[in-house]
Amino acid sequence: MAILTAYGHIEYDDHRSSELNKRTIYTLTALRRPEGWRFVAYQNTSLGTR
């Protein structure tokens, strides 16, 4: 099992940003199986504006 945590925000191809440029923390949980790593859970939380 592994946990990945990342920070970010969405920026579109035309350089618009997500609603009020909110930063988000992303947490993913991965489980190693015989065929390789698989993400088994995803959660995100807004950190508000920058």
N, C-alpha and C. Protein backbone atom coordinates (compact mmCIF):
# COMPACT_ATOMS: atom_id res chain seq x y z
N MET A 1 0.85 -1.17 0.00
CA MET A 1 0.00 0.00 0.00
C MET A 1 0.89 1.24 0.00
N ALA A 2 0.43 2.27 -0.70
CA ALA A 2 1.15 3.54 -0.75
C ALA A 2 0.13 4.68 -0.77
N ILE A 3 0.52 5.81 -0.21
CA ILE A 3 -0.33 7.00 -0.23
C ILE A 3 0.42 8.11 -0.94
N LEU A 4 -0.25 8.73 -1.93
CA LEU A 4 0.32 9.83 -2.69
C LEU A 4 -0.45 11.09 -2.34
N THR A 5 0.26 12.15 -1.99
CA THR A 5 -0.36 13.43 -1.68
C THR A 5 0.24 14.49 -2.59
N ALA A 6 -0.62 15.30 -3.21
CA ALA A 6 -0.15 16.34 -4.12
C ALA A 6 -1.00 17.59 -3.95
N TYR A 7 -0.44 18.74 -4.31
CA TYR A 7 -1.15 20.02 -4.28
C TYR A 7 -1.26 20.53 -5.72
N GLY A 8 -2.32 21.26 -6.02
CA GLY A 8 -2.42 21.82 -7.34
C GLY A 8 -3.73 22.56 -7.56
N HIS A 9 -3.95 22.96 -8.80
CA HIS A 9 -5.21 23.54 -9.22
C HIS A 9 -5.36 23.30 -10.72
N ILE A 10 -6.55 23.40 -11.21
CA ILE A 10 -6.82 23.15 -12.62
C ILE A 10 -6.53 24.41 -13.43
N GLU A 11 -5.81 24.24 -14.52
CA GLU A 11 -5.63 25.31 -15.49
C GLU A 11 -6.00 24.75 -16.85
N TYR A 12 -6.91 25.42 -17.55
CA TYR A 12 -7.41 24.94 -18.82
C TYR A 12 -6.46 25.30 -19.96
N ASP A 13 -6.65 24.66 -21.13
CA ASP A 13 -5.79 24.90 -22.29
C ASP A 13 -5.74 26.37 -22.69
N ASP A 14 -6.84 27.09 -22.48
CA ASP A 14 -6.85 28.52 -22.84
C ASP A 14 -6.36 29.40 -21.68
N HIS A 15 -5.71 28.79 -20.71
CA HIS A 15 -5.06 29.45 -19.56
C HIS A 15 -6.02 30.00 -18.52
N ARG A 16 -7.32 29.69 -18.64
CA ARG A 16 -8.23 30.02 -17.54
C ARG A 16 -7.92 29.07 -16.39
N SER A 17 -8.15 29.50 -15.17
CA SER A 17 -7.94 28.64 -14.01
C SER A 17 -9.28 28.24 -13.42
N SER A 18 -9.24 27.25 -12.55
CA SER A 18 -10.45 26.78 -11.89
C SER A 18 -11.06 27.91 -11.05
N GLU A 19 -12.26 27.70 -10.59
CA GLU A 19 -13.02 28.70 -9.84
C GLU A 19 -12.17 29.43 -8.82
N LEU A 20 -11.94 30.70 -9.05
CA LEU A 20 -11.15 31.57 -8.18
C LEU A 20 -9.74 31.04 -7.91
N ASN A 21 -9.25 30.19 -8.83
CA ASN A 21 -7.91 29.65 -8.72
C ASN A 21 -7.68 28.92 -7.39
N LYS A 22 -8.67 28.17 -6.95
CA LYS A 22 -8.57 27.45 -5.68
C LYS A 22 -7.48 26.40 -5.72
N ARG A 23 -6.69 26.35 -4.68
CA ARG A 23 -5.71 25.27 -4.53
C ARG A 23 -6.40 24.08 -3.88
N THR A 24 -5.94 22.91 -4.25
CA THR A 24 -6.54 21.68 -3.75
C THR A 24 -5.44 20.72 -3.32
N ILE A 25 -5.70 19.96 -2.27
CA ILE A 25 -4.80 18.87 -1.90
C ILE A 25 -5.48 17.57 -2.34
N TYR A 26 -4.72 16.75 -3.06
CA TYR A 26 -5.21 15.48 -3.58
C TYR A 26 -4.54 14.35 -2.82
N THR A 27 -5.31 13.37 -2.41
CA THR A 27 -4.75 12.21 -1.74
C THR A 27 -5.26 10.96 -2.45
N LEU A 28 -4.32 10.13 -2.89
CA LEU A 28 -4.66 8.88 -3.56
C LEU A 28 -4.04 7.72 -2.79
N THR A 29 -4.77 6.64 -2.68
CA THR A 29 -4.27 5.43 -2.03
C THR A 29 -4.10 4.37 -3.11
N ALA A 30 -2.92 3.76 -3.14
CA ALA A 30 -2.62 2.73 -4.14
C ALA A 30 -2.34 1.40 -3.45
N LEU A 31 -2.68 0.34 -4.12
CA LEU A 31 -2.48 -1.01 -3.60
C LEU A 31 -1.70 -1.80 -4.64
N ARG A 32 -0.63 -2.47 -4.21
CA ARG A 32 0.15 -3.28 -5.15
C ARG A 32 -0.50 -4.64 -5.28
N ARG A 33 -0.80 -5.00 -6.51
CA ARG A 33 -1.41 -6.29 -6.84
C ARG A 33 -0.44 -7.05 -7.76
N PRO A 34 -0.69 -8.32 -8.01
CA PRO A 34 0.22 -9.07 -8.88
C PRO A 34 0.42 -8.42 -10.26
N GLU A 35 -0.62 -7.76 -10.79
CA GLU A 35 -0.51 -7.14 -12.12
C GLU A 35 0.08 -5.73 -12.07
N GLY A 36 0.35 -5.19 -10.87
CA GLY A 36 0.94 -3.87 -10.73
C GLY A 36 0.17 -3.01 -9.74
N TRP A 37 0.57 -1.74 -9.63
CA TRP A 37 -0.07 -0.81 -8.70
C TRP A 37 -1.42 -0.37 -9.24
N ARG A 38 -2.41 -0.26 -8.36
CA ARG A 38 -3.75 0.21 -8.70
C ARG A 38 -4.19 1.24 -7.67
N PHE A 39 -4.74 2.37 -8.16
CA PHE A 39 -5.33 3.32 -7.24
C PHE A 39 -6.67 2.77 -6.76
N VAL A 40 -6.88 2.77 -5.45
CA VAL A 40 -8.10 2.20 -4.89
C VAL A 40 -8.96 3.24 -4.17
N ALA A 41 -8.40 4.44 -3.93
CA ALA A 41 -9.18 5.51 -3.28
C ALA A 41 -8.62 6.86 -3.72
N TYR A 42 -9.53 7.85 -3.82
CA TYR A 42 -9.17 9.21 -4.22
C TYR A 42 -9.97 10.18 -3.37
N GLN A 43 -9.32 11.25 -2.95
CA GLN A 43 -10.02 12.28 -2.15
C GLN A 43 -9.35 13.60 -2.45
N ASN A 44 -10.14 14.68 -2.54
CA ASN A 44 -9.55 16.01 -2.68
C ASN A 44 -10.26 16.99 -1.78
N THR A 45 -9.52 18.00 -1.34
CA THR A 45 -10.02 19.00 -0.44
C THR A 45 -9.53 20.37 -0.89
N SER A 46 -10.43 21.32 -1.02
CA SER A 46 -10.06 22.67 -1.41
C SER A 46 -9.34 23.36 -0.25
N LEU A 47 -8.27 24.07 -0.59
CA LEU A 47 -7.54 24.85 0.41
C LEU A 47 -7.90 26.32 0.34
N GLY A 48 -8.90 26.66 -0.47
CA GLY A 48 -9.29 28.05 -0.62
C GLY A 48 -8.46 28.73 -1.68
N THR A 49 -8.53 30.04 -1.72
CA THR A 49 -7.79 30.79 -2.74
C THR A 49 -6.35 30.99 -2.32
N ARG A 50 -5.51 31.27 -3.29
CA ARG A 50 -4.09 31.51 -2.98
C ARG A 50 -3.87 32.90 -2.49
